[in-house]
Amino acid sequence: MSFNKEKFVKKLKHFVGIKTEEELKAVKTPQQKTIEFFKSLGSAALAALIIITFIIQNTRIPTGSMEDTILVGDFVLVNKFIYGAPSWKYIPFTQITFPCFPMPAFKEPKNSDIVVFEFPGKRDELRAEELNVNYVKRCVGIPGDTVQVIDKVLFVNGKEFWIPVNIKYELPAAIPKEYVDPEIFPKNRPWNVDNYGPYVVPKQGQVVTLTTENVEDWRTIINREFKKDVVDIANGKVTIEGKPVSTYTLQKDYFFMMGDNRNNSYDSRFWGVVSRDLIVGSAFMTLFSWDRDIPFNEPFKLLGSIRPERVLKILH
């Protein structure tokens, strides 16, 4: 059988999606044009969905907890690929969850990384009131680390932590350690934001002893692992799902997050640690930045507020 080069090239072009001269010259009906338009639109939407879900997304910064590293009004690019981003957890535009799966991670979050994560909820909440709300903080403690703040100075495993270039303190003097903040995490600990800890970041497989004295250290973490309220005290004993227990084995790794604006950051010192499955990605670049207080109905004023020095700025 002889080799027909023209037929082979024609089939190859068709296979890879390259239109032949005959197809380009063919006159398409309005219906065919409409179908092609929606096919192209669908392909573009699918590509965008894959990129946003697994690779890179943009997030807007609404608060000043990371100032002056990240400013209010910054639009930050997030690398979701590096930590193995999970697939969608929620049906779009709803609070309805469904099973998800993580992609393979290239690395684990480490100390000093700027991390984007899903807010786990307030200190005593089983879950956040509003689901799928992302926070941006700096990771200062990985599983097993001991985190402590002494007169504003952060120590990790007994050594002074690396100081971010743009760290910020709105209050120059440290809050005395004698002042106990009732909102601090864990509940009932005699600490405040400037004199905190030592606190050991929980890790997967860790066996913790449970007593009536320390149950508040672990109640929220255990309840979240069960995804329901299971921890209680009965007859002077700690119970899980009604059964008396003296120990519990943690099922997840956790991370301690803190804002660079140390006196104005709602972070792990208040609401606790972040489980590994809630981590979305690493914030690595400011796409652009403007004054978010200017309304959209003043477009020229809004565009004039763009901060050129923050366009495509690498974050550290």
C-alpha atoms as a PDB file:
ATOM      1  CA  MET A   1       0.000   0.000   0.000  1.00  0.00           C
ATOM      2  CA  SER A   2       1.402   3.389  -1.044  1.00  0.00           C
ATOM      3  CA  PHE A   3       1.787   6.207   1.510  1.00  0.00           C
ATOM      4  CA  ASN A   4      -0.482   9.158   0.794  1.00  0.00           C
ATOM      5  CA  LYS A   5       1.225  12.176   2.289  1.00  0.00           C
ATOM      6  CA  GLU A   6      -1.681  14.596   1.736  1.00  0.00           C
ATOM      7  CA  LYS A   7      -4.184  12.339   3.502  1.00  0.00           C
ATOM      8  CA  PHE A   8      -1.754  11.792   6.387  1.00  0.00           C
ATOM      9  CA  VAL A   9      -1.181  15.555   6.883  1.00  0.00           C
ATOM     10  CA  LYS A  10      -4.917  16.209   6.649  1.00  0.00           C
ATOM     11  CA  LYS A  11      -5.676  13.590   9.336  1.00  0.00           C
ATOM     12  CA  LEU A  12      -2.867  14.896  11.549  1.00  0.00           C
ATOM     13  CA  LYS A  13      -4.179  18.487  11.334  1.00  0.00           C
ATOM     14  CA  HIS A  14      -7.664  17.278  12.174  1.00  0.00           C
ATOM     15  CA  PHE A  15      -6.333  15.322  15.162  1.00  0.00           C
ATOM     16  CA  VAL A  16      -4.495  18.317  16.685  1.00  0.00           C
ATOM     17  CA  GLY A  17      -7.288  20.748  15.886  1.00  0.00           C
ATOM     18  CA  ILE A  18      -5.682  22.654  12.998  1.00  0.00           C
ATOM     19  CA  LYS A  19      -8.226  23.558  10.368  1.00  0.00           C
ATOM     20  CA  THR A  20      -7.517  22.591   6.759  1.00  0.00           C
ATOM     21  CA  GLU A  21      -7.800  25.069   3.864  1.00  0.00           C
ATOM     22  CA  GLU A  22     -11.082  23.442   2.818  1.00  0.00           C
ATOM     23  CA  GLU A  23     -12.516  23.896   6.328  1.00  0.00           C
ATOM     24  CA  LEU A  24     -11.353  27.523   6.466  1.00  0.00           C
ATOM     25  CA  LYS A  25     -12.951  28.284   3.112  1.00  0.00           C
ATOM     26  CA  ALA A  26     -16.214  26.527   3.944  1.00  0.00           C
ATOM     27  CA  VAL A  27     -19.110  28.902   4.544  1.00  0.00           C
ATOM     28  CA  LYS A  28     -20.589  28.324   8.012  1.00  0.00           C
ATOM     29  CA  THR A  29     -24.233  28.742   8.847  1.00  0.00           C
ATOM     30  CA  PRO A  30     -25.252  31.078  11.711  1.00  0.00           C
ATOM     31  CA  GLN A  31     -26.061  27.978  13.777  1.00  0.00           C
ATOM     32  CA  GLN A  32     -22.577  26.529  13.214  1.00  0.00           C
ATOM     33  CA  LYS A  33     -20.976  29.862  14.138  1.00  0.00           C
ATOM     34  CA  THR A  34     -23.032  30.001  17.339  1.00  0.00           C
ATOM     35  CA  ILE A  35     -22.033  26.449  18.266  1.00  0.00           C
ATOM     36  CA  GLU A  36     -18.353  27.224  17.622  1.00  0.00           C
ATOM     37  CA  PHE A  37     -18.572  30.390  19.713  1.00  0.00           C
ATOM     38  CA  PHE A  38     -19.982  28.566  22.723  1.00  0.00           C
ATOM     39  CA  LYS A  39     -17.449  25.739  22.303  1.00  0.00           C
ATOM     40  CA  SER A  40     -14.606  28.289  22.416  1.00  0.00           C
ATOM     41  CA  LEU A  41     -16.213  30.028  25.386  1.00  0.00           C
ATOM     42  CA  GLY A  42     -16.583  26.698  27.203  1.00  0.00           C
ATOM     43  CA  SER A  43     -12.943  25.781  26.546  1.00  0.00           C
ATOM     44  CA  ALA A  44     -11.752  29.138  27.880  1.00  0.00           C
ATOM     45  CA  ALA A  45     -13.969  28.804  30.965  1.00  0.00           C
ATOM     46  CA  LEU A  46     -12.682  25.285  31.622  1.00  0.00           C
ATOM     47  CA  ALA A  47      -9.061  26.419  31.314  1.00  0.00           C
ATOM     48  CA  ALA A  48      -9.715  29.337  33.692  1.00  0.00           C
ATOM     49  CA  LEU A  49     -11.444  26.997  36.164  1.00  0.00           C
ATOM     50  CA  ILE A  50      -8.473  24.603  36.190  1.00  0.00           C
ATOM     51  CA  ILE A  51      -6.006  27.478  36.693  1.00  0.00           C
ATOM     52  CA  ILE A  52      -8.028  29.077  39.523  1.00  0.00           C
ATOM     53  CA  THR A  53      -8.711  25.729  41.223  1.00  0.00           C
ATOM     54  CA  PHE A  54      -5.267  24.168  41.125  1.00  0.00           C
ATOM     55  CA  ILE A  55      -2.565  26.631  40.027  1.00  0.00           C
ATOM     56  CA  ILE A  56      -2.885  30.392  40.656  1.00  0.00           C
ATOM     57  CA  GLN A  57      -5.608  32.665  41.949  1.00  0.00           C
ATOM     58  CA  ASN A  58      -5.863  36.301  42.907  1.00  0.00           C
ATOM     59  CA  THR A  59      -7.036  37.410  46.335  1.00  0.00           C
ATOM     60  CA  ARG A  60      -7.834  40.929  47.546  1.00  0.00           C
ATOM     61  CA  ILE A  61      -6.465  42.130  50.898  1.00  0.00           C
ATOM     62  CA  PRO A  62      -9.241  43.782  52.955  1.00  0.00           C
ATOM     63  CA  THR A  63      -7.459  44.312  56.303  1.00  0.00           C
ATOM     64  CA  GLY A  64      -4.140  45.665  57.575  1.00  0.00           C
ATOM     65  CA  SER A  65      -3.010  42.598  59.564  1.00  0.00           C
ATOM     66  CA  MET A  66      -0.005  42.020  57.256  1.00  0.00           C
ATOM     67  CA  GLU A  67       1.095  45.673  56.980  1.00  0.00           C
ATOM     68  CA  ASP A  68       3.550  46.807  55.829  1.00  0.00           C
ATOM     69  CA  THR A  69       4.429  43.599  53.963  1.00  0.00           C
ATOM     70  CA  ILE A  70       0.995  43.523  52.327  1.00  0.00           C
ATOM     71  CA  LEU A  71      -1.217  46.617  52.231  1.00  0.00           C
ATOM     72  CA  VAL A  72      -4.962  47.075  52.300  1.00  0.00           C
ATOM     73  CA  GLY A  73      -6.051  47.261  48.658  1.00  0.00           C
ATOM     74  CA  ASP A  74      -3.333  44.928  47.367  1.00  0.00           C
ATOM     75  CA  PHE A  75      -4.368  42.251  44.884  1.00  0.00           C
ATOM     76  CA  VAL A  76      -2.125  39.290  45.650  1.00  0.00           C
ATOM     77  CA  LEU A  77      -1.299  36.278  43.480  1.00  0.00           C
ATOM     78  CA  VAL A  78      -1.471  32.933  45.279  1.00  0.00           C
ATOM     79  CA  ASN A  79       0.515  29.868  44.229  1.00  0.00           C
ATOM     80  CA  LYS A  80      -1.928  27.011  44.937  1.00  0.00           C
ATOM     81  CA  PHE A  81       0.207  24.427  43.164  1.00  0.00           C
ATOM     82  CA  ILE A  82       3.121  24.459  45.611  1.00  0.00           C
ATOM     83  CA  TYR A  83       1.285  23.064  48.677  1.00  0.00           C
ATOM     84  CA  GLY A  84      -0.998  20.735  46.713  1.00  0.00           C
ATOM     85  CA  ALA A  85      -4.219  22.708  46.465  1.00  0.00           C
ATOM     86  CA  PRO A  86      -7.450  20.843  47.212  1.00  0.00           C
ATOM     87  CA  SER A  87     -10.183  20.644  44.608  1.00  0.00           C
ATOM     88  CA  TRP A  88     -13.323  22.719  45.148  1.00  0.00           C
ATOM     89  CA  LYS A  89     -14.881  22.138  48.564  1.00  0.00           C
ATOM     90  CA  TYR A  90     -18.035  24.142  47.954  1.00  0.00           C
ATOM     91  CA  ILE A  91     -20.684  24.382  45.286  1.00  0.00           C
ATOM     92  CA  PRO A  92     -20.092  27.832  43.716  1.00  0.00           C
ATOM     93  CA  PHE A  93     -22.137  30.699  45.227  1.00  0.00           C
ATOM     94  CA  THR A  94     -23.399  28.427  48.048  1.00  0.00           C
ATOM     95  CA  GLN A  95     -22.269  27.230  51.473  1.00  0.00           C
ATOM     96  CA  ILE A  96     -22.835  23.600  50.466  1.00  0.00           C
ATOM     97  CA  THR A  97     -19.772  21.358  50.828  1.00  0.00           C
ATOM     98  CA  PHE A  98     -18.902  18.220  48.911  1.00  0.00           C
ATOM     99  CA  PRO A  99     -15.963  15.765  48.984  1.00  0.00           C
ATOM    100  CA  CYS A 100     -12.686  17.143  47.658  1.00  0.00           C
ATOM    101  CA  PHE A 101      -9.237  15.751  46.959  1.00  0.00           C
ATOM    102  CA  PRO A 102      -5.786  17.356  47.270  1.00  0.00           C
ATOM    103  CA  MET A 103      -3.252  17.562  44.471  1.00  0.00           C
ATOM    104  CA  PRO A 104       0.319  16.332  45.170  1.00  0.00           C
ATOM    105  CA  ALA A 105       2.340  18.905  47.147  1.00  0.00           C
ATOM    106  CA  PHE A 106       5.795  20.041  46.035  1.00  0.00           C
ATOM    107  CA  LYS A 107       6.627  21.239  49.572  1.00  0.00           C
ATOM    108  CA  GLU A 108       5.086  21.730  52.971  1.00  0.00           C
ATOM    109  CA  PRO A 109       4.478  25.166  54.480  1.00  0.00           C
ATOM    110  CA  LYS A 110       7.503  26.288  56.461  1.00  0.00           C
ATOM    111  CA  ASN A 111       8.329  29.021  58.946  1.00  0.00           C
ATOM    112  CA  SER A 112       8.302  32.533  57.413  1.00  0.00           C
ATOM    113  CA  ASP A 113       6.102  31.551  54.415  1.00  0.00           C
ATOM    114  CA  ILE A 114       3.231  33.939  53.647  1.00  0.00           C
ATOM    115  CA  VAL A 115       0.309  31.536  53.617  1.00  0.00           C
ATOM    116  CA  VAL A 116      -3.261  31.800  52.329  1.00  0.00           C
ATOM    117  CA  PHE A 117      -5.711  29.551  54.146  1.00  0.00           C
ATOM    118  CA  GLU A 118      -9.380  29.064  54.802  1.00  0.00           C
ATOM    119  CA  PHE A 119     -10.351  30.683  58.106  1.00  0.00           C
ATOM    120  CA  PRO A 120     -11.132  27.822  60.522  1.00  0.00           C
ATOM    121  CA  GLY A 121     -13.505  29.814  62.723  1.00  0.00           C
ATOM    122  CA  LYS A 122     -13.286  31.689  66.012  1.00  0.00           C
ATOM    123  CA  ARG A 123     -11.634  30.139  69.057  1.00  0.00           C
ATOM    124  CA  ASP A 124     -14.715  28.348  70.374  1.00  0.00           C
ATOM    125  CA  GLU A 125     -16.470  27.708  67.059  1.00  0.00           C
ATOM    126  CA  LEU A 126     -16.757  24.313  65.408  1.00  0.00           C
ATOM    127  CA  ARG A 127     -16.477  26.026  62.024  1.00  0.00           C
ATOM    128  CA  ALA A 128     -16.494  29.545  60.616  1.00  0.00           C
ATOM    129  CA  GLU A 129     -19.902  31.207  60.318  1.00  0.00           C
ATOM    130  CA  GLU A 130     -19.152  32.020  56.684  1.00  0.00           C
ATOM    131  CA  LEU A 131     -17.409  29.223  54.804  1.00  0.00           C
ATOM    132  CA  ASN A 132     -14.654  29.601  52.212  1.00  0.00           C
ATOM    133  CA  VAL A 133     -13.270  32.877  53.627  1.00  0.00           C
ATOM    134  CA  ASN A 134      -9.527  33.125  52.987  1.00  0.00           C
ATOM    135  CA  TYR A 135      -7.026  34.770  55.341  1.00  0.00           C
ATOM    136  CA  VAL A 136      -3.408  35.755  54.593  1.00  0.00           C
ATOM    137  CA  LYS A 137      -0.839  35.486  57.414  1.00  0.00           C
ATOM    138  CA  ARG A 138       2.766  34.485  57.966  1.00  0.00           C
ATOM    139  CA  CYS A 139       3.453  30.953  59.135  1.00  0.00           C
ATOM    140  CA  VAL A 140       5.560  31.180  62.324  1.00  0.00           C
ATOM    141  CA  GLY A 141       5.065  27.686  63.685  1.00  0.00           C
ATOM    142  CA  ILE A 142       4.968  24.284  61.970  1.00  0.00           C
ATOM    143  CA  PRO A 143       3.830  20.995  63.597  1.00  0.00           C
ATOM    144  CA  GLY A 144       5.813  20.333  66.779  1.00  0.00           C
ATOM    145  CA  ASP A 145       7.262  23.851  67.093  1.00  0.00           C
ATOM    146  CA  THR A 146       7.112  25.750  70.378  1.00  0.00           C
ATOM    147  CA  VAL A 147       5.904  29.325  69.838  1.00  0.00           C
ATOM    148  CA  GLN A 148       6.394  32.034  72.457  1.00  0.00           C
ATOM    149  CA  VAL A 149       6.186  35.845  72.511  1.00  0.00           C
ATOM    150  CA  ILE A 150       8.145  37.672  75.229  1.00  0.00           C
ATOM    151  CA  ASP A 151       7.632  41.447  75.411  1.00  0.00           C
ATOM    152  CA  LYS A 152       6.690  41.549  71.701  1.00  0.00           C
ATOM    153  CA  VAL A 153       9.677  39.437  70.596  1.00  0.00           C
ATOM    154  CA  LEU A 154       8.720  36.165  68.867  1.00  0.00           C
ATOM    155  CA  PHE A 155      10.668  33.018  69.717  1.00  0.00           C
ATOM    156  CA  VAL A 156      10.303  29.635  67.996  1.00  0.00           C
ATOM    157  CA  ASN A 157      11.895  26.611  69.641  1.00  0.00           C
ATOM    158  CA  GLY A 158      13.736  28.908  72.026  1.00  0.00           C
ATOM    159  CA  LYS A 159      15.373  31.052  69.316  1.00  0.00           C
ATOM    160  CA  GLU A 160      14.385  34.537  68.211  1.00  0.00           C
ATOM    161  CA  PHE A 161      12.339  34.269  65.033  1.00  0.00           C
ATOM    162  CA  TRP A 162      13.436  35.917  61.788  1.00  0.00           C
ATOM    163  CA  ILE A 163      12.144  39.512  61.741  1.00  0.00           C
ATOM    164  CA  PRO A 164      10.204  40.431  58.587  1.00  0.00           C
ATOM    165  CA  VAL A 165      11.602  43.508  56.823  1.00  0.00           C
ATOM    166  CA  ASN A 166       8.278  45.345  57.071  1.00  0.00           C
ATOM    167  CA  ILE A 167       7.202  44.225  60.536  1.00  0.00           C
ATOM    168  CA  LYS A 168       4.949  46.743  62.272  1.00  0.00           C
ATOM    169  CA  TYR A 169       4.050  47.538  65.890  1.00  0.00           C
ATOM    170  CA  GLU A 170       1.234  50.038  66.360  1.00  0.00           C
ATOM    171  CA  LEU A 171       1.811  50.073  70.130  1.00  0.00           C
ATOM    172  CA  PRO A 172       5.476  50.723  71.043  1.00  0.00           C
ATOM    173  CA  ALA A 173       5.270  49.425  74.607  1.00  0.00           C
ATOM    174  CA  ALA A 174       4.618  45.758  75.369  1.00  0.00           C
ATOM    175  CA  ILE A 175       1.468  44.763  77.227  1.00  0.00           C
ATOM    176  CA  PRO A 176       2.619  43.529  80.665  1.00  0.00           C
ATOM    177  CA  LYS A 177       2.482  39.758  81.109  1.00  0.00           C
ATOM    178  CA  GLU A 178       0.336  40.282  84.208  1.00  0.00           C
ATOM    179  CA  TYR A 179      -2.515  41.424  81.929  1.00  0.00           C
ATOM    180  CA  VAL A 180      -4.566  38.389  80.875  1.00  0.00           C
ATOM    181  CA  ASP A 181      -6.574  38.708  77.662  1.00  0.00           C
ATOM    182  CA  PRO A 182      -9.794  36.663  78.019  1.00  0.00           C
ATOM    183  CA  GLU A 183     -10.031  36.350  74.223  1.00  0.00           C
ATOM    184  CA  ILE A 184      -6.662  34.598  73.855  1.00  0.00           C
ATOM    185  CA  PHE A 185      -6.180  31.049  72.510  1.00  0.00           C
ATOM    186  CA  PRO A 186      -6.296  28.520  74.101  1.00  0.00           C
ATOM    187  CA  LYS A 187      -9.162  29.410  76.398  1.00  0.00           C
ATOM    188  CA  ASN A 188      -8.255  30.206  80.014  1.00  0.00           C
ATOM    189  CA  ARG A 189      -4.506  30.582  79.362  1.00  0.00           C
ATOM    190  CA  PRO A 190      -2.955  33.556  81.289  1.00  0.00           C
ATOM    191  CA  TRP A 191      -1.465  35.236  78.212  1.00  0.00           C
ATOM    192  CA  ASN A 192      -1.840  38.261  75.940  1.00  0.00           C
ATOM    193  CA  VAL A 193      -0.614  39.144  72.421  1.00  0.00           C
ATOM    194  CA  ASP A 194       2.724  40.598  73.589  1.00  0.00           C
ATOM    195  CA  ASN A 195       3.434  37.908  76.173  1.00  0.00           C
ATOM    196  CA  TYR A 196       2.156  34.660  74.761  1.00  0.00           C
ATOM    197  CA  GLY A 197       2.992  31.014  75.362  1.00  0.00           C
ATOM    198  CA  PRO A 198       4.944  28.849  75.293  1.00  0.00           C
ATOM    199  CA  TYR A 199       2.534  26.980  73.019  1.00  0.00           C
ATOM    200  CA  VAL A 200       3.431  23.705  71.271  1.00  0.00           C
ATOM    201  CA  VAL A 201       1.903  23.474  67.778  1.00  0.00           C
ATOM    202  CA  PRO A 202      -0.042  20.163  67.490  1.00  0.00           C
ATOM    203  CA  LYS A 203       1.056  17.517  64.981  1.00  0.00           C
ATOM    204  CA  GLN A 204      -0.481  14.454  63.411  1.00  0.00           C
ATOM    205  CA  GLY A 205      -0.046  11.291  65.473  1.00  0.00           C
ATOM    206  CA  GLN A 206       0.639  13.206  68.683  1.00  0.00           C
ATOM    207  CA  VAL A 207      -0.981  11.547  71.708  1.00  0.00           C
ATOM    208  CA  VAL A 208      -2.302  14.203  74.101  1.00  0.00           C
ATOM    209  CA  THR A 209      -3.329  13.644  77.682  1.00  0.00           C
ATOM    210  CA  LEU A 210      -6.813  14.898  78.469  1.00  0.00           C
ATOM    211  CA  THR A 211      -7.821  16.124  81.922  1.00  0.00           C
ATOM    212  CA  THR A 212     -10.536  18.400  83.250  1.00  0.00           C
ATOM    213  CA  GLU A 213      -7.810  21.007  83.785  1.00  0.00           C
ATOM    214  CA  ASN A 214      -6.516  21.094  80.181  1.00  0.00           C
ATOM    215  CA  VAL A 215      -9.599  20.085  78.209  1.00  0.00           C
ATOM    216  CA  GLU A 216     -10.084  23.632  76.871  1.00  0.00           C
ATOM    217  CA  ASP A 217      -6.674  23.397  75.183  1.00  0.00           C
ATOM    218  CA  TRP A 218      -8.007  20.619  72.986  1.00  0.00           C
ATOM    219  CA  ARG A 219     -11.802  20.873  72.872  1.00  0.00           C
ATOM    220  CA  THR A 220     -12.117  22.905  69.654  1.00  0.00           C
ATOM    221  CA  ILE A 221      -9.342  21.012  67.841  1.00  0.00           C
ATOM    222  CA  ILE A 222     -10.884  17.611  68.623  1.00  0.00           C
ATOM    223  CA  ASN A 223     -14.416  18.777  67.780  1.00  0.00           C
ATOM    224  CA  ARG A 224     -13.182  20.067  64.417  1.00  0.00           C
ATOM    225  CA  GLU A 225     -11.480  16.764  63.653  1.00  0.00           C
ATOM    226  CA  PHE A 226     -14.794  14.984  64.318  1.00  0.00           C
ATOM    227  CA  LYS A 227     -16.705  17.800  62.533  1.00  0.00           C
ATOM    228  CA  LYS A 228     -19.170  17.880  65.418  1.00  0.00           C
ATOM    229  CA  ASP A 229     -19.280  18.634  69.156  1.00  0.00           C
ATOM    230  CA  VAL A 230     -17.979  15.469  70.838  1.00  0.00           C
ATOM    231  CA  VAL A 231     -15.917  16.684  73.815  1.00  0.00           C
ATOM    232  CA  ASP A 232     -17.633  16.956  77.197  1.00  0.00           C
ATOM    233  CA  ILE A 233     -17.043  16.463  80.917  1.00  0.00           C
ATOM    234  CA  ALA A 234     -19.127  13.914  82.859  1.00  0.00           C
ATOM    235  CA  ASN A 235     -18.602  12.665  86.409  1.00  0.00           C
ATOM    236  CA  GLY A 236     -15.244  14.418  86.619  1.00  0.00           C
ATOM    237  CA  LYS A 237     -13.964  12.738  83.432  1.00  0.00           C
ATOM    238  CA  VAL A 238     -13.330  14.028  79.916  1.00  0.00           C
ATOM    239  CA  THR A 239     -15.533  12.235  77.405  1.00  0.00           C
ATOM    240  CA  ILE A 240     -15.488  11.963  73.605  1.00  0.00           C
ATOM    241  CA  GLU A 241     -18.804  10.933  72.091  1.00  0.00           C
ATOM    242  CA  GLY A 242     -19.961  10.025  75.586  1.00  0.00           C
ATOM    243  CA  LYS A 243     -17.063   7.650  76.330  1.00  0.00           C
ATOM    244  CA  PRO A 244     -14.578   8.507  79.133  1.00  0.00           C
ATOM    245  CA  VAL A 245     -11.058   9.053  77.767  1.00  0.00           C
ATOM    246  CA  SER A 246      -7.676  10.030  79.158  1.00  0.00           C
ATOM    247  CA  THR A 247      -5.814  10.493  75.837  1.00  0.00           C
ATOM    248  CA  TYR A 248      -6.500  11.415  72.227  1.00  0.00           C
ATOM    249  CA  THR A 249      -4.397  10.889  69.084  1.00  0.00           C
ATOM    250  CA  LEU A 250      -4.434  13.909  66.758  1.00  0.00           C
ATOM    251  CA  GLN A 251      -5.442  13.175  63.167  1.00  0.00           C
ATOM    252  CA  LYS A 252      -3.993  16.272  61.450  1.00  0.00           C
ATOM    253  CA  ASP A 253      -0.954  18.540  61.298  1.00  0.00           C
ATOM    254  CA  TYR A 254      -1.439  22.144  62.423  1.00  0.00           C
ATOM    255  CA  PHE A 255       0.257  25.489  61.755  1.00  0.00           C
ATOM    256  CA  PHE A 256       0.537  28.698  63.793  1.00  0.00           C
ATOM    257  CA  MET A 257      -0.160  31.886  61.794  1.00  0.00           C
ATOM    258  CA  MET A 258       0.652  35.482  62.765  1.00  0.00           C
ATOM    259  CA  GLY A 259       0.326  38.834  61.012  1.00  0.00           C
ATOM    260  CA  ASP A 260       3.337  41.106  60.433  1.00  0.00           C
ATOM    261  CA  ASN A 261       1.298  43.953  61.941  1.00  0.00           C
ATOM    262  CA  ARG A 262       1.723  42.366  65.344  1.00  0.00           C
ATOM    263  CA  ASN A 263      -0.569  44.637  67.395  1.00  0.00           C
ATOM    264  CA  ASN A 264      -3.378  44.698  64.861  1.00  0.00           C
ATOM    265  CA  SER A 265      -3.673  41.130  63.637  1.00  0.00           C
ATOM    266  CA  TYR A 266      -6.511  38.703  64.302  1.00  0.00           C
ATOM    267  CA  ASP A 267      -4.452  35.522  64.123  1.00  0.00           C
ATOM    268  CA  SER A 268      -3.609  32.204  65.809  1.00  0.00           C
ATOM    269  CA  ARG A 269      -3.078  34.005  69.118  1.00  0.00           C
ATOM    270  CA  PHE A 270      -6.839  34.560  69.175  1.00  0.00           C
ATOM    271  CA  TRP A 271      -8.547  31.823  67.166  1.00  0.00           C
ATOM    272  CA  GLY A 272      -6.022  28.986  67.211  1.00  0.00           C
ATOM    273  CA  VAL A 273      -4.072  26.834  64.791  1.00  0.00           C
ATOM    274  CA  VAL A 274      -4.805  26.018  61.143  1.00  0.00           C
ATOM    275  CA  SER A 275      -5.121  22.393  60.044  1.00  0.00           C
ATOM    276  CA  ARG A 276      -3.119  21.320  56.985  1.00  0.00           C
ATOM    277  CA  ASP A 277      -6.213  20.650  54.867  1.00  0.00           C
ATOM    278  CA  LEU A 278      -7.316  24.303  55.160  1.00  0.00           C
ATOM    279  CA  ILE A 279      -4.129  25.687  53.599  1.00  0.00           C
ATOM    280  CA  VAL A 280      -4.782  27.049  50.091  1.00  0.00           C
ATOM    281  CA  GLY A 281      -1.394  28.265  48.885  1.00  0.00           C
ATOM    282  CA  SER A 282       1.496  30.701  49.181  1.00  0.00           C
ATOM    283  CA  ALA A 283       1.129  34.439  48.481  1.00  0.00           C
ATOM    284  CA  PHE A 284       4.112  35.359  46.322  1.00  0.00           C
ATOM    285  CA  MET A 285       3.412  38.581  44.383  1.00  0.00           C
ATOM    286  CA  THR A 286       1.340  41.751  44.460  1.00  0.00           C
ATOM    287  CA  LEU A 287      -0.396  42.035  41.085  1.00  0.00           C
ATOM    288  CA  PHE A 288      -1.365  45.667  41.665  1.00  0.00           C
ATOM    289  CA  SER A 289      -2.702  47.876  44.445  1.00  0.00           C
ATOM    290  CA  TRP A 290      -5.091  50.772  44.878  1.00  0.00           C
ATOM    291  CA  ASP A 291      -7.092  52.635  47.519  1.00  0.00           C
ATOM    292  CA  ARG A 292     -10.005  50.326  48.308  1.00  0.00           C
ATOM    293  CA  ASP A 293     -11.914  53.132  50.064  1.00  0.00           C
ATOM    294  CA  ILE A 294     -12.572  54.887  46.738  1.00  0.00           C
ATOM    295  CA  PRO A 295     -15.939  53.738  45.287  1.00  0.00           C
ATOM    296  CA  PHE A 296     -16.148  52.141  41.844  1.00  0.00           C
ATOM    297  CA  ASN A 297     -18.445  54.936  40.641  1.00  0.00           C
ATOM    298  CA  GLU A 298     -15.351  57.189  40.658  1.00  0.00           C
ATOM    299  CA  PRO A 299     -13.241  55.187  38.162  1.00  0.00           C
ATOM    300  CA  PHE A 300     -10.736  57.933  37.300  1.00  0.00           C
ATOM    301  CA  LYS A 301     -10.023  58.659  40.967  1.00  0.00           C
ATOM    302  CA  LEU A 302      -9.732  54.921  41.628  1.00  0.00           C
ATOM    303  CA  LEU A 303      -7.275  54.398  38.757  1.00  0.00           C
ATOM    304  CA  GLY A 304      -5.315  57.418  39.938  1.00  0.00           C
ATOM    305  CA  SER A 305      -4.855  55.764  43.335  1.00  0.00           C
ATOM    306  CA  ILE A 306      -2.946  52.783  41.883  1.00  0.00           C
ATOM    307  CA  ARG A 307       0.397  52.349  43.669  1.00  0.00           C
ATOM    308  CA  PRO A 308       2.972  51.797  40.868  1.00  0.00           C
ATOM    309  CA  GLU A 309       5.655  50.627  43.285  1.00  0.00           C
ATOM    310  CA  ARG A 310       3.479  47.644  44.265  1.00  0.00           C
ATOM    311  CA  VAL A 311       2.714  46.429  40.737  1.00  0.00           C
ATOM    312  CA  LEU A 312       4.286  42.950  40.277  1.00  0.00           C
ATOM    313  CA  LYS A 313       6.077  43.273  43.620  1.00  0.00           C
ATOM    314  CA  ILE A 314       7.563  40.027  44.983  1.00  0.00           C
ATOM    315  CA  LEU A 315       6.527  39.345  48.584  1.00  0.00           C
ATOM    316  CA  HIS A 316       9.023  38.326  51.269  1.00  0.00           C
END
